[in-house]
């Protein structure tokens, strides 16, 4: 066997071991690394105390409990344009943010059972409202770069033959800042994130469209081809859904009230039995 061929085999084996050994790596190292976002409120964000918070982060903390008290949790802040690479390259064991499942993304990561349903809406000034796609014509539209939301915006404008200036931004705060400074006419983003930032206050004179421009299924991104770790994650989520404990987690982030029927149906469908 040539030295080059032997080296190639060794690299493949090492890569497979790195990908397939999340459970062993976490238990042996005593650290479970949760990737989260700075500004994807209310799902995944850094709060005023500098701590990771949000609905999806709370789900991942439930998963962390499955490792037992000997494993500590470490939070890894990941930028939106590097979040999947952070999981692929082992900087984070799991991605806990509002990530939409797509087939293209499954070339890089695997996904858990669905965790939430949301969709794109648009934020604009009440004096110059943007409420339907036809209102986008001739406007400057901000959107988070490298997301399915950006793909939806570009694709829909193309299909409708509408000419608008798309302004990609690195994070949601940057998009809101551009809108506040009147450098864009509207900001296109997941409705839950837009509402979460608006609820912080300080945004009088702005409105969110009532219409959804897309529907997104969120899930946790995991290392590819790691069935044992994915089983632990899915088992934890299914148990939360079956037991109804998911309602308390929802309430911590979204307040009291019945979840939308579509979200309740998603939890019911994914309440997989243990046996």
C-alpha atoms as a PDB file:
ATOM      1  CA  UNK A   1       0.000   0.000   0.000  1.00  0.00           C
ATOM      2  CA  UNK A   2       1.435   3.395  -0.971  1.00  0.00           C
ATOM      3  CA  UNK A   3       2.087   5.993   1.687  1.00  0.00           C
ATOM      4  CA  UNK A   4      -0.302   8.427  -0.074  1.00  0.00           C
ATOM      5  CA  UNK A   5      -3.108   5.848  -0.166  1.00  0.00           C
ATOM      6  CA  UNK A   6      -2.573   4.943   3.483  1.00  0.00           C
ATOM      7  CA  UNK A   7      -2.685   8.607   4.462  1.00  0.00           C
ATOM      8  CA  UNK A   8      -5.918   9.086   2.547  1.00  0.00           C
ATOM      9  CA  UNK A   9      -7.531   6.146   4.354  1.00  0.00           C
ATOM     10  CA  UNK A  10      -6.354   7.505   7.697  1.00  0.00           C
ATOM     11  CA  UNK A  11      -7.909  10.887   6.967  1.00  0.00           C
ATOM     12  CA  UNK A  12     -11.230   9.299   6.031  1.00  0.00           C
ATOM     13  CA  UNK A  13     -11.285   7.180   9.186  1.00  0.00           C
ATOM     14  CA  UNK A  14     -10.359  10.153  11.344  1.00  0.00           C
ATOM     15  CA  UNK A  15     -13.065  12.257   9.755  1.00  0.00           C
ATOM     16  CA  UNK A  16     -15.689   9.582  10.291  1.00  0.00           C
ATOM     17  CA  UNK A  17     -14.669   9.201  13.910  1.00  0.00           C
ATOM     18  CA  UNK A  18     -14.883  12.965  14.454  1.00  0.00           C
ATOM     19  CA  UNK A  19     -18.337  13.116  12.931  1.00  0.00           C
ATOM     20  CA  UNK A  20     -19.769   9.983  14.510  1.00  0.00           C
ATOM     21  CA  UNK A  21     -18.428  10.457  18.035  1.00  0.00           C
ATOM     22  CA  UNK A  22     -20.405  13.387  19.470  1.00  0.00           C
ATOM     23  CA  UNK A  23     -21.749  11.453  22.462  1.00  0.00           C
ATOM     24  CA  UNK A  24     -18.365   9.960  23.334  1.00  0.00           C
ATOM     25  CA  UNK A  25     -16.593  13.294  22.807  1.00  0.00           C
ATOM     26  CA  UNK A  26     -19.019  15.154  25.058  1.00  0.00           C
ATOM     27  CA  UNK A  27     -18.958  12.541  27.798  1.00  0.00           C
ATOM     28  CA  UNK A  28     -15.186  12.108  27.681  1.00  0.00           C
ATOM     29  CA  UNK A  29     -14.493  15.846  27.582  1.00  0.00           C
ATOM     30  CA  UNK A  30     -17.233  16.786  30.029  1.00  0.00           C
ATOM     31  CA  UNK A  31     -18.420  19.699  27.862  1.00  0.00           C
ATOM     32  CA  UNK A  32     -21.523  20.099  25.681  1.00  0.00           C
ATOM     33  CA  UNK A  33     -21.082  23.068  23.319  1.00  0.00           C
ATOM     34  CA  UNK A  34     -24.280  24.851  22.305  1.00  0.00           C
ATOM     35  CA  UNK A  35     -24.042  27.160  19.307  1.00  0.00           C
ATOM     36  CA  UNK A  36     -26.329  30.185  19.556  1.00  0.00           C
ATOM     37  CA  UNK A  37     -26.920  33.563  17.895  1.00  0.00           C
ATOM     38  CA  UNK A  38     -26.502  37.091  19.237  1.00  0.00           C
ATOM     39  CA  UNK A  39     -29.667  38.646  17.855  1.00  0.00           C
ATOM     40  CA  UNK A  40     -32.245  36.035  16.785  1.00  0.00           C
ATOM     41  CA  UNK A  41     -34.652  36.976  19.548  1.00  0.00           C
ATOM     42  CA  UNK A  42     -36.949  35.393  20.768  1.00  0.00           C
ATOM     43  CA  UNK A  43     -35.433  32.096  19.648  1.00  0.00           C
ATOM     44  CA  UNK A  44     -31.703  32.453  20.229  1.00  0.00           C
ATOM     45  CA  UNK A  45     -29.974  35.583  21.487  1.00  0.00           C
ATOM     46  CA  UNK A  46     -27.653  37.168  24.041  1.00  0.00           C
ATOM     47  CA  UNK A  47     -29.656  38.883  26.792  1.00  0.00           C
ATOM     48  CA  UNK A  48     -28.807  42.007  28.762  1.00  0.00           C
ATOM     49  CA  UNK A  49     -26.716  39.948  31.184  1.00  0.00           C
ATOM     50  CA  UNK A  50     -24.643  38.607  28.297  1.00  0.00           C
ATOM     51  CA  UNK A  51     -26.145  35.117  28.613  1.00  0.00           C
ATOM     52  CA  UNK A  52     -27.603  32.844  25.942  1.00  0.00           C
ATOM     53  CA  UNK A  53     -31.399  32.925  26.015  1.00  0.00           C
ATOM     54  CA  UNK A  54     -34.499  32.163  23.971  1.00  0.00           C
ATOM     55  CA  UNK A  55     -36.958  29.416  23.130  1.00  0.00           C
ATOM     56  CA  UNK A  56     -34.551  27.277  21.080  1.00  0.00           C
ATOM     57  CA  UNK A  57     -31.750  27.742  23.617  1.00  0.00           C
ATOM     58  CA  UNK A  58     -34.141  26.444  26.301  1.00  0.00           C
ATOM     59  CA  UNK A  59     -34.760  23.343  24.181  1.00  0.00           C
ATOM     60  CA  UNK A  60     -31.030  22.710  23.974  1.00  0.00           C
ATOM     61  CA  UNK A  61     -30.681  23.090  27.730  1.00  0.00           C
ATOM     62  CA  UNK A  62     -33.212  20.275  28.062  1.00  0.00           C
ATOM     63  CA  UNK A  63     -31.034  18.171  25.760  1.00  0.00           C
ATOM     64  CA  UNK A  64     -27.988  19.024  27.888  1.00  0.00           C
ATOM     65  CA  UNK A  65     -29.716  17.446  30.905  1.00  0.00           C
ATOM     66  CA  UNK A  66     -29.626  14.080  29.114  1.00  0.00           C
ATOM     67  CA  UNK A  67     -25.835  13.996  29.553  1.00  0.00           C
ATOM     68  CA  UNK A  68     -26.108  14.111  33.342  1.00  0.00           C
ATOM     69  CA  UNK A  69     -24.499  16.352  35.964  1.00  0.00           C
ATOM     70  CA  UNK A  70     -20.900  15.493  35.053  1.00  0.00           C
ATOM     71  CA  UNK A  71     -21.167  17.334  31.721  1.00  0.00           C
ATOM     72  CA  UNK A  72     -21.160  21.129  31.781  1.00  0.00           C
ATOM     73  CA  UNK A  73     -22.718  23.343  29.122  1.00  0.00           C
ATOM     74  CA  UNK A  74     -20.632  25.812  27.147  1.00  0.00           C
ATOM     75  CA  UNK A  75     -22.241  28.399  24.882  1.00  0.00           C
ATOM     76  CA  UNK A  76     -20.567  29.239  21.580  1.00  0.00           C
ATOM     77  CA  UNK A  77     -21.648  32.447  19.839  1.00  0.00           C
ATOM     78  CA  UNK A  78     -21.858  31.839  16.081  1.00  0.00           C
ATOM     79  CA  UNK A  79     -22.407  34.441  13.332  1.00  0.00           C
ATOM     80  CA  UNK A  80     -25.280  33.710  10.930  1.00  0.00           C
ATOM     81  CA  UNK A  81     -23.003  33.086   7.944  1.00  0.00           C
ATOM     82  CA  UNK A  82     -20.846  30.524   9.810  1.00  0.00           C
ATOM     83  CA  UNK A  83     -23.405  28.655  11.883  1.00  0.00           C
ATOM     84  CA  UNK A  84     -23.510  25.446   9.845  1.00  0.00           C
ATOM     85  CA  UNK A  85     -19.743  25.363   9.444  1.00  0.00           C
ATOM     86  CA  UNK A  86     -19.446  25.686  13.234  1.00  0.00           C
ATOM     87  CA  UNK A  87     -21.319  22.378  13.600  1.00  0.00           C
ATOM     88  CA  UNK A  88     -19.615  20.727  10.640  1.00  0.00           C
ATOM     89  CA  UNK A  89     -16.142  21.655  11.869  1.00  0.00           C
ATOM     90  CA  UNK A  90     -16.823  20.702  15.489  1.00  0.00           C
ATOM     91  CA  UNK A  91     -16.752  24.175  17.076  1.00  0.00           C
ATOM     92  CA  UNK A  92     -20.298  23.534  18.319  1.00  0.00           C
ATOM     93  CA  UNK A  93     -21.969  20.201  19.049  1.00  0.00           C
ATOM     94  CA  UNK A  94     -25.447  21.510  18.193  1.00  0.00           C
ATOM     95  CA  UNK A  95     -26.880  24.653  16.625  1.00  0.00           C
ATOM     96  CA  UNK A  96     -29.650  26.183  18.701  1.00  0.00           C
ATOM     97  CA  UNK A  97     -31.205  28.938  16.625  1.00  0.00           C
ATOM     98  CA  UNK A  98     -34.135  29.514  14.236  1.00  0.00           C
ATOM     99  CA  UNK A  99     -32.722  27.382  11.444  1.00  0.00           C
ATOM    100  CA  UNK A 100     -35.000  26.286   8.607  1.00  0.00           C
ATOM    101  CA  UNK A 101     -34.684  22.754   7.257  1.00  0.00           C
ATOM    102  CA  UNK A 102     -33.662  22.607   3.594  1.00  0.00           C
ATOM    103  CA  UNK A 103     -32.258  19.847   1.428  1.00  0.00           C
ATOM    104  CA  UNK A 104     -29.235  21.972   0.514  1.00  0.00           C
ATOM    105  CA  UNK A 105     -28.377  22.481   4.174  1.00  0.00           C
ATOM    106  CA  UNK A 106     -28.585  18.749   4.743  1.00  0.00           C
ATOM    107  CA  UNK A 107     -25.488  18.447   2.596  1.00  0.00           C
ATOM    108  CA  UNK A 108     -23.619  20.111   5.484  1.00  0.00           C
ATOM    109  CA  UNK A 109     -25.568  19.155   8.631  1.00  0.00           C
ATOM    110  CA  UNK A 110     -28.331  16.861   9.831  1.00  0.00           C
ATOM    111  CA  UNK A 111     -31.510  18.081  11.504  1.00  0.00           C
ATOM    112  CA  UNK A 112     -33.528  17.081  14.536  1.00  0.00           C
ATOM    113  CA  UNK A 113     -37.288  16.742  14.747  1.00  0.00           C
ATOM    114  CA  UNK A 114     -38.955  20.088  13.977  1.00  0.00           C
ATOM    115  CA  UNK A 115     -38.914  22.605  16.826  1.00  0.00           C
ATOM    116  CA  UNK A 116     -41.078  25.488  15.560  1.00  0.00           C
ATOM    117  CA  UNK A 117     -43.007  26.922  12.620  1.00  0.00           C
ATOM    118  CA  UNK A 118     -42.621  30.526  11.506  1.00  0.00           C
ATOM    119  CA  UNK A 119     -42.472  32.537   8.309  1.00  0.00           C
ATOM    120  CA  UNK A 120     -41.268  35.749   6.744  1.00  0.00           C
ATOM    121  CA  UNK A 121     -42.999  39.082   7.263  1.00  0.00           C
ATOM    122  CA  UNK A 122     -41.933  42.625   6.499  1.00  0.00           C
ATOM    123  CA  UNK A 123     -41.331  45.590   8.800  1.00  0.00           C
ATOM    124  CA  UNK A 124     -41.844  49.105   7.439  1.00  0.00           C
ATOM    125  CA  UNK A 125     -42.799  52.611   8.479  1.00  0.00           C
ATOM    126  CA  UNK A 126     -46.499  53.056   9.162  1.00  0.00           C
ATOM    127  CA  UNK A 127     -46.412  56.187   6.993  1.00  0.00           C
ATOM    128  CA  UNK A 128     -44.986  54.169   4.061  1.00  0.00           C
ATOM    129  CA  UNK A 129     -46.333  50.654   4.635  1.00  0.00           C
ATOM    130  CA  UNK A 130     -45.138  47.601   2.743  1.00  0.00           C
ATOM    131  CA  UNK A 131     -47.755  44.889   3.167  1.00  0.00           C
ATOM    132  CA  UNK A 132     -47.761  42.691   0.047  1.00  0.00           C
ATOM    133  CA  UNK A 133     -45.137  41.714  -2.505  1.00  0.00           C
ATOM    134  CA  UNK A 134     -46.456  44.246  -5.029  1.00  0.00           C
ATOM    135  CA  UNK A 135     -45.555  47.001  -2.550  1.00  0.00           C
ATOM    136  CA  UNK A 136     -41.878  46.010  -2.880  1.00  0.00           C
ATOM    137  CA  UNK A 137     -41.613  47.500  -6.370  1.00  0.00           C
ATOM    138  CA  UNK A 138     -39.026  50.275  -6.432  1.00  0.00           C
ATOM    139  CA  UNK A 139     -38.236  49.839  -2.744  1.00  0.00           C
ATOM    140  CA  UNK A 140     -34.983  49.137  -0.867  1.00  0.00           C
ATOM    141  CA  UNK A 141     -35.513  45.901   1.064  1.00  0.00           C
ATOM    142  CA  UNK A 142     -33.143  44.748   3.798  1.00  0.00           C
ATOM    143  CA  UNK A 143     -32.731  41.038   4.546  1.00  0.00           C
ATOM    144  CA  UNK A 144     -30.333  38.866   6.532  1.00  0.00           C
ATOM    145  CA  UNK A 145     -27.637  37.591   4.172  1.00  0.00           C
ATOM    146  CA  UNK A 146     -27.254  33.895   3.420  1.00  0.00           C
ATOM    147  CA  UNK A 147     -30.660  32.788   4.726  1.00  0.00           C
ATOM    148  CA  UNK A 148     -33.704  31.049   3.296  1.00  0.00           C
ATOM    149  CA  UNK A 149     -35.491  34.356   3.867  1.00  0.00           C
ATOM    150  CA  UNK A 150     -33.141  36.033   1.407  1.00  0.00           C
ATOM    151  CA  UNK A 151     -33.718  33.219  -1.089  1.00  0.00           C
ATOM    152  CA  UNK A 152     -37.497  33.633  -0.705  1.00  0.00           C
ATOM    153  CA  UNK A 153     -37.254  37.367  -1.281  1.00  0.00           C
ATOM    154  CA  UNK A 154     -35.078  37.078  -4.387  1.00  0.00           C
ATOM    155  CA  UNK A 155     -37.102  34.215  -5.835  1.00  0.00           C
ATOM    156  CA  UNK A 156     -40.464  35.873  -5.290  1.00  0.00           C
ATOM    157  CA  UNK A 157     -39.370  39.192  -6.753  1.00  0.00           C
ATOM    158  CA  UNK A 158     -38.051  37.350  -9.793  1.00  0.00           C
ATOM    159  CA  UNK A 159     -41.220  35.321 -10.274  1.00  0.00           C
ATOM    160  CA  UNK A 160     -43.378  38.438 -10.018  1.00  0.00           C
ATOM    161  CA  UNK A 161     -41.029  40.474 -12.228  1.00  0.00           C
ATOM    162  CA  UNK A 162     -40.788  43.161  -9.547  1.00  0.00           C
ATOM    163  CA  UNK A 163     -37.757  45.421  -9.474  1.00  0.00           C
ATOM    164  CA  UNK A 164     -36.491  46.236  -6.007  1.00  0.00           C
ATOM    165  CA  UNK A 165     -33.101  46.848  -4.432  1.00  0.00           C
ATOM    166  CA  UNK A 166     -32.148  44.029  -2.076  1.00  0.00           C
ATOM    167  CA  UNK A 167     -29.805  45.102   0.730  1.00  0.00           C
ATOM    168  CA  UNK A 168     -28.217  42.085   2.508  1.00  0.00           C
ATOM    169  CA  UNK A 169     -27.193  42.755   6.115  1.00  0.00           C
ATOM    170  CA  UNK A 170     -24.895  40.777   8.457  1.00  0.00           C
ATOM    171  CA  UNK A 171     -27.357  40.669  11.380  1.00  0.00           C
ATOM    172  CA  UNK A 172     -30.857  41.763  12.347  1.00  0.00           C
ATOM    173  CA  UNK A 173     -29.705  44.744  14.395  1.00  0.00           C
ATOM    174  CA  UNK A 174     -27.976  46.128  11.321  1.00  0.00           C
ATOM    175  CA  UNK A 175     -31.202  45.744   9.336  1.00  0.00           C
ATOM    176  CA  UNK A 176     -33.245  47.577  11.970  1.00  0.00           C
ATOM    177  CA  UNK A 177     -30.623  50.317  12.118  1.00  0.00           C
ATOM    178  CA  UNK A 178     -30.778  50.865   8.352  1.00  0.00           C
ATOM    179  CA  UNK A 179     -34.561  51.039   8.508  1.00  0.00           C
ATOM    180  CA  UNK A 180     -34.459  53.491  11.397  1.00  0.00           C
ATOM    181  CA  UNK A 181     -32.011  55.705   9.475  1.00  0.00           C
ATOM    182  CA  UNK A 182     -34.269  55.582   6.383  1.00  0.00           C
ATOM    183  CA  UNK A 183     -31.536  53.861   4.353  1.00  0.00           C
ATOM    184  CA  UNK A 184     -33.937  51.060   3.440  1.00  0.00           C
ATOM    185  CA  UNK A 185     -37.719  51.135   3.026  1.00  0.00           C
ATOM    186  CA  UNK A 186     -38.513  47.792   4.642  1.00  0.00           C
ATOM    187  CA  UNK A 187     -36.886  44.881   6.448  1.00  0.00           C
ATOM    188  CA  UNK A 188     -37.806  41.327   5.425  1.00  0.00           C
ATOM    189  CA  UNK A 189     -37.299  38.706   8.172  1.00  0.00           C
ATOM    190  CA  UNK A 190     -38.877  35.887  10.154  1.00  0.00           C
ATOM    191  CA  UNK A 191     -41.961  37.264  11.860  1.00  0.00           C
ATOM    192  CA  UNK A 192     -41.058  35.977  15.316  1.00  0.00           C
ATOM    193  CA  UNK A 193     -37.671  37.707  15.235  1.00  0.00           C
ATOM    194  CA  UNK A 194     -39.164  40.999  14.051  1.00  0.00           C
ATOM    195  CA  UNK A 195     -41.829  40.874  16.773  1.00  0.00           C
ATOM    196  CA  UNK A 196     -39.232  39.999  19.413  1.00  0.00           C
ATOM    197  CA  UNK A 197     -37.146  43.086  18.643  1.00  0.00           C
ATOM    198  CA  UNK A 198     -40.206  45.334  18.416  1.00  0.00           C
ATOM    199  CA  UNK A 199     -41.370  44.185  21.843  1.00  0.00           C
ATOM    200  CA  UNK A 200     -38.191  45.621  23.342  1.00  0.00           C
ATOM    201  CA  UNK A 201     -39.699  49.039  22.664  1.00  0.00           C
ATOM    202  CA  UNK A 202     -38.263  52.123  21.039  1.00  0.00           C
ATOM    203  CA  UNK A 203     -39.833  51.521  17.615  1.00  0.00           C
ATOM    204  CA  UNK A 204     -42.864  53.798  17.349  1.00  0.00           C
ATOM    205  CA  UNK A 205     -44.142  54.483  13.867  1.00  0.00           C
ATOM    206  CA  UNK A 206     -43.303  51.029  12.463  1.00  0.00           C
ATOM    207  CA  UNK A 207     -45.612  48.152  11.591  1.00  0.00           C
ATOM    208  CA  UNK A 208     -45.317  44.469  10.733  1.00  0.00           C
ATOM    209  CA  UNK A 209     -47.274  43.073   7.810  1.00  0.00           C
ATOM    210  CA  UNK A 210     -50.141  40.804   8.781  1.00  0.00           C
ATOM    211  CA  UNK A 211     -49.359  38.476   5.892  1.00  0.00           C
ATOM    212  CA  UNK A 212     -46.772  35.722   5.911  1.00  0.00           C
ATOM    213  CA  UNK A 213     -44.607  35.678   2.785  1.00  0.00           C
ATOM    214  CA  UNK A 214     -43.235  32.188   3.457  1.00  0.00           C
ATOM    215  CA  UNK A 215     -43.509  29.320   5.928  1.00  0.00           C
ATOM    216  CA  UNK A 216     -40.413  27.951   7.631  1.00  0.00           C
ATOM    217  CA  UNK A 217     -39.921  24.732   9.613  1.00  0.00           C
ATOM    218  CA  UNK A 218     -37.218  25.157  12.258  1.00  0.00           C
ATOM    219  CA  UNK A 219     -35.034  22.381  13.662  1.00  0.00           C
ATOM    220  CA  UNK A 220     -31.753  21.931  15.509  1.00  0.00           C
ATOM    221  CA  UNK A 221     -28.720  21.449  13.264  1.00  0.00           C
ATOM    222  CA  UNK A 222     -26.523  18.475  14.191  1.00  0.00           C
ATOM    223  CA  UNK A 223     -23.324  16.868  12.881  1.00  0.00           C
ATOM    224  CA  UNK A 224     -24.013  14.686   9.834  1.00  0.00           C
ATOM    225  CA  UNK A 225     -24.130  10.899  10.048  1.00  0.00           C
ATOM    226  CA  UNK A 226     -24.230  10.770  13.841  1.00  0.00           C
ATOM    227  CA  UNK A 227     -27.269   8.615  14.492  1.00  0.00           C
ATOM    228  CA  UNK A 228     -26.629   8.061  18.197  1.00  0.00           C
ATOM    229  CA  UNK A 229     -26.505  11.771  18.971  1.00  0.00           C
ATOM    230  CA  UNK A 230     -29.495  12.524  16.775  1.00  0.00           C
ATOM    231  CA  UNK A 231     -31.463   9.822  18.613  1.00  0.00           C
ATOM    232  CA  UNK A 232     -30.667  11.444  21.972  1.00  0.00           C
ATOM    233  CA  UNK A 233     -31.789  14.841  20.648  1.00  0.00           C
ATOM    234  CA  UNK A 234     -34.973  13.537  19.022  1.00  0.00           C
ATOM    235  CA  UNK A 235     -35.836  11.408  22.059  1.00  0.00           C
ATOM    236  CA  UNK A 236     -35.588  14.497  24.274  1.00  0.00           C
ATOM    237  CA  UNK A 237     -37.746  16.611  21.954  1.00  0.00           C
ATOM    238  CA  UNK A 238     -40.380  13.899  21.498  1.00  0.00           C
ATOM    239  CA  UNK A 239     -40.623  13.468  25.275  1.00  0.00           C
ATOM    240  CA  UNK A 240     -41.115  17.223  25.728  1.00  0.00           C
ATOM    241  CA  UNK A 241     -43.887  17.186  23.138  1.00  0.00           C
ATOM    242  CA  UNK A 242     -45.598  14.042  24.493  1.00  0.00           C
ATOM    243  CA  UNK A 243     -45.550  15.169  28.107  1.00  0.00           C
ATOM    244  CA  UNK A 244     -46.761  18.699  27.438  1.00  0.00           C
ATOM    245  CA  UNK A 245     -43.627  20.172  29.055  1.00  0.00           C
ATOM    246  CA  UNK A 246     -43.115  22.071  25.796  1.00  0.00           C
ATOM    247  CA  UNK A 247     -45.956  24.392  26.863  1.00  0.00           C
ATOM    248  CA  UNK A 248     -43.995  25.690  29.851  1.00  0.00           C
ATOM    249  CA  UNK A 249     -40.971  26.310  27.619  1.00  0.00           C
ATOM    250  CA  UNK A 250     -43.128  28.192  25.126  1.00  0.00           C
ATOM    251  CA  UNK A 251     -44.661  30.247  27.933  1.00  0.00           C
ATOM    252  CA  UNK A 252     -41.250  31.404  29.199  1.00  0.00           C
ATOM    253  CA  UNK A 253     -40.556  33.016  25.839  1.00  0.00           C
ATOM    254  CA  UNK A 254     -43.921  33.865  24.304  1.00  0.00           C
ATOM    255  CA  UNK A 255     -46.085  34.346  27.392  1.00  0.00           C
ATOM    256  CA  UNK A 256     -49.344  32.644  28.325  1.00  0.00           C
ATOM    257  CA  UNK A 257     -51.835  31.665  25.688  1.00  0.00           C
ATOM    258  CA  UNK A 258     -52.679  28.839  23.342  1.00  0.00           C
ATOM    259  CA  UNK A 259     -50.099  28.074  20.648  1.00  0.00           C
ATOM    260  CA  UNK A 260     -51.370  28.419  17.070  1.00  0.00           C
ATOM    261  CA  UNK A 261     -53.200  25.339  15.782  1.00  0.00           C
ATOM    262  CA  UNK A 262     -50.499  24.703  13.194  1.00  0.00           C
ATOM    263  CA  UNK A 263     -47.807  24.651  15.890  1.00  0.00           C
ATOM    264  CA  UNK A 264     -49.892  22.360  18.123  1.00  0.00           C
ATOM    265  CA  UNK A 265     -50.313  19.995  15.185  1.00  0.00           C
ATOM    266  CA  UNK A 266     -46.546  19.974  14.635  1.00  0.00           C
ATOM    267  CA  UNK A 267     -45.932  19.019  18.273  1.00  0.00           C
ATOM    268  CA  UNK A 268     -48.587  16.294  18.082  1.00  0.00           C
ATOM    269  CA  UNK A 269     -47.193  14.793  14.884  1.00  0.00           C
ATOM    270  CA  UNK A 270     -43.685  14.712  16.353  1.00  0.00           C
ATOM    271  CA  UNK A 271     -44.688  13.314  19.741  1.00  0.00           C
ATOM    272  CA  UNK A 272     -43.157  10.001  18.720  1.00  0.00           C
ATOM    273  CA  UNK A 273     -43.753   7.112  21.156  1.00  0.00           C
ATOM    274  CA  UNK A 274     -40.819   5.648  23.021  1.00  0.00           C
ATOM    275  CA  UNK A 275     -41.819   2.085  22.106  1.00  0.00           C
END
